């Protein structure tokens, strides 16, 4: 394995990759992403590829746009992608709504304990359930995290 540091212009995040050997085609690609919160230009020209077997970390100082870049990739409502393309296994994520991307296994794990109040633990877990072909059914989640199974009917707080 080799380390690759990708420099991204404009003070935006840097992707740090531990790459698999070989030169397989990209499994995931983000090309020239430009996204906005209203009039604020947040994600500025971010591009990177991830090949199967690679591990990637998005690095940058506070406010550099790491979370905004990930929210853009996950097709969240904000920030709004105004230019660029996002591809996952030859599927154009940039043309999809977040619920469509989630069916392909794309999701966003919040950096803190964000949940939807009023829903049960199980309802929060299944909001963006990974498609069964990926192997993470609700039953498998409970197998790995039995405490969640015990609290599945409890209101999440």
Protein backbone atom coordinates (compact mmCIF):
# COMPACT_ATOMS: atom_id res chain seq x y z
CA UNK A 1 0.00 0.00 0.00
CA UNK A 2 1.12 3.56 -0.62
CA UNK A 3 0.09 6.88 0.88
CA UNK A 4 -1.15 9.58 -1.45
CA UNK A 5 -1.82 13.15 -0.44
CA UNK A 6 -4.21 15.01 -2.72
CA UNK A 7 -3.87 18.79 -2.67
CA UNK A 8 -7.13 20.62 -3.27
CA UNK A 9 -6.87 24.32 -4.27
CA UNK A 10 -8.75 27.17 -2.64
CA UNK A 11 -8.32 26.20 1.01
CA UNK A 12 -10.76 23.32 0.70
CA UNK A 13 -10.21 19.93 2.36
CA UNK A 14 -7.39 17.59 1.47
CA UNK A 15 -8.06 13.90 0.91
CA UNK A 16 -5.48 11.59 2.49
CA UNK A 17 -5.53 8.16 0.90
CA UNK A 18 -4.06 4.82 1.78
CA UNK A 19 -4.24 3.33 -1.67
CA UNK A 20 -4.56 -0.24 -2.80
CA UNK A 21 -1.85 -1.42 -5.13
CA UNK A 22 -2.52 -1.44 -8.84
CA UNK A 23 -4.33 1.03 -11.04
CA UNK A 24 -7.91 -0.23 -11.01
CA UNK A 25 -10.58 2.19 -12.25
CA UNK A 26 -12.17 4.41 -9.63
CA UNK A 27 -15.12 2.96 -7.71
CA UNK A 28 -16.04 6.45 -6.48
CA UNK A 29 -15.26 9.79 -8.15
CA UNK A 30 -15.98 13.39 -7.24
CA UNK A 31 -15.13 15.79 -10.06
CA UNK A 32 -14.83 19.55 -9.66
CA UNK A 33 -17.51 19.91 -6.97
CA UNK A 34 -18.82 23.43 -6.31
CA UNK A 35 -21.54 23.79 -3.67
CA UNK A 36 -23.25 26.67 -1.90
CA UNK A 37 -25.17 27.43 1.28
CA UNK A 38 -27.41 30.15 -0.16
CA UNK A 39 -24.97 32.69 -1.61
CA UNK A 40 -21.97 31.38 0.36
CA UNK A 41 -19.52 29.49 -1.85
CA UNK A 42 -18.49 26.61 0.42
CA UNK A 43 -17.14 23.66 -1.60
CA UNK A 44 -14.73 25.00 -4.20
CA UNK A 45 -13.45 22.68 -6.90
CA UNK A 46 -13.01 19.47 -4.88
CA UNK A 47 -12.00 16.42 -6.96
CA UNK A 48 -10.81 12.96 -5.95
CA UNK A 49 -11.09 9.28 -6.91
CA UNK A 50 -11.35 6.27 -4.64
CA UNK A 51 -10.54 2.84 -5.96
CA UNK A 52 -11.88 -0.37 -4.46
CA UNK A 53 -9.84 -1.30 -1.40
CA UNK A 54 -8.66 2.24 -0.66
CA UNK A 55 -9.22 4.00 2.64
CA UNK A 56 -9.64 7.78 2.48
CA UNK A 57 -9.61 10.43 5.19
CA UNK A 58 -10.78 13.96 4.48
CA UNK A 59 -8.47 16.36 6.32
CA UNK A 60 -8.65 20.10 6.90
CA UNK A 61 -8.84 22.82 9.51
CA UNK A 62 -12.11 23.85 11.15
CA UNK A 63 -14.33 25.54 8.59
CA UNK A 64 -12.41 24.17 5.60
CA UNK A 65 -15.51 22.44 4.23
CA UNK A 66 -15.00 18.78 5.19
CA UNK A 67 -18.54 18.24 6.44
CA UNK A 68 -19.98 20.33 3.60
CA UNK A 69 -18.09 18.18 1.07
CA UNK A 70 -19.49 14.99 2.65
CA UNK A 71 -23.02 16.45 2.81
CA UNK A 72 -22.70 17.32 -0.89
CA UNK A 73 -21.60 13.77 -1.73
CA UNK A 74 -24.45 12.27 0.35
CA UNK A 75 -26.85 14.51 -1.63
CA UNK A 76 -28.21 16.31 1.43
CA UNK A 77 -30.40 19.37 0.78
CA UNK A 78 -27.64 21.72 1.95
CA UNK A 79 -25.22 22.63 0.58
CA UNK A 80 -26.60 22.83 -2.95
CA UNK A 81 -24.37 21.27 -5.63
CA UNK A 82 -24.21 23.80 -8.47
CA UNK A 83 -21.41 22.26 -10.52
CA UNK A 84 -19.56 18.96 -10.66
CA UNK A 85 -20.18 15.24 -10.86
CA UNK A 86 -20.29 12.47 -8.27
CA UNK A 87 -20.08 8.83 -9.42
CA UNK A 88 -20.39 5.60 -7.42
CA UNK A 89 -19.79 2.36 -9.30
CA UNK A 90 -20.80 4.01 -12.59
CA UNK A 91 -23.99 5.47 -11.04
CA UNK A 92 -24.38 9.29 -11.29
CA UNK A 93 -25.04 10.39 -7.69
CA UNK A 94 -25.04 14.05 -8.76
CA UNK A 95 -28.38 13.51 -10.53
CA UNK A 96 -30.00 11.76 -7.55
CA UNK A 97 -31.93 12.80 -4.47
CA UNK A 98 -30.51 11.75 -1.08
CA UNK A 99 -33.04 8.92 -0.70
CA UNK A 100 -31.95 7.48 -4.07
CA UNK A 101 -28.27 7.69 -3.12
CA UNK A 102 -29.04 5.97 0.21
CA UNK A 103 -30.42 2.99 -1.72
CA UNK A 104 -26.91 2.59 -3.18
CA UNK A 105 -25.43 2.55 0.33
CA UNK A 106 -24.46 6.24 0.51
CA UNK A 107 -25.12 7.72 3.92
CA UNK A 108 -23.76 10.29 6.31
CA UNK A 109 -22.89 9.51 9.91
CA UNK A 110 -23.23 12.75 11.87
CA UNK A 111 -20.18 13.95 13.78
CA UNK A 112 -22.21 14.19 16.97
CA UNK A 113 -25.27 12.41 18.39
CA UNK A 114 -27.77 13.84 15.94
CA UNK A 115 -30.96 11.85 15.87
CA UNK A 116 -34.55 12.67 15.13
CA UNK A 117 -36.33 13.23 18.45
CA UNK A 118 -39.67 11.50 18.83
CA UNK A 119 -38.59 8.47 16.80
CA UNK A 120 -37.59 5.20 18.41
CA UNK A 121 -34.02 3.91 18.31
CA UNK A 122 -35.06 1.46 15.57
CA UNK A 123 -36.78 4.15 13.50
CA UNK A 124 -33.65 6.31 13.63
CA UNK A 125 -31.49 3.35 12.62
CA UNK A 126 -33.65 2.45 9.62
CA UNK A 127 -34.01 5.97 8.19
CA UNK A 128 -31.08 5.39 5.86
CA UNK A 129 -30.68 1.65 6.11
CA UNK A 130 -27.95 0.28 3.90
CA UNK A 131 -29.30 -1.91 1.14
CA UNK A 132 -29.29 -5.64 2.02
CA UNK A 133 -26.68 -6.52 -0.67
CA UNK A 134 -24.16 -4.57 1.45
CA UNK A 135 -24.94 -6.98 4.31
CA UNK A 136 -26.02 -4.49 7.00
CA UNK A 137 -29.61 -5.39 7.76
CA UNK A 138 -31.21 -4.17 10.98
CA UNK A 139 -30.73 -7.70 12.34
CA UNK A 140 -26.99 -7.54 11.66
CA UNK A 141 -26.76 -4.14 13.35
CA UNK A 142 -28.48 -5.61 16.42
CA UNK A 143 -26.13 -8.60 16.35
CA UNK A 144 -23.09 -6.30 16.48
CA UNK A 145 -24.67 -3.79 18.87
CA UNK A 146 -26.96 -5.76 21.21
CA UNK A 147 -27.58 -2.71 23.42
CA UNK A 148 -29.42 -1.11 20.49
CA UNK A 149 -31.60 -4.22 20.18
CA UNK A 150 -32.49 -3.94 23.86
CA UNK A 151 -33.53 -0.32 23.34
CA UNK A 152 -35.13 -0.60 19.90
CA UNK A 153 -38.60 0.49 21.11
CA UNK A 154 -37.27 3.24 23.38
CA UNK A 155 -37.67 6.84 22.22
CA UNK A 156 -34.31 8.15 21.08
CA UNK A 157 -33.05 11.13 23.07
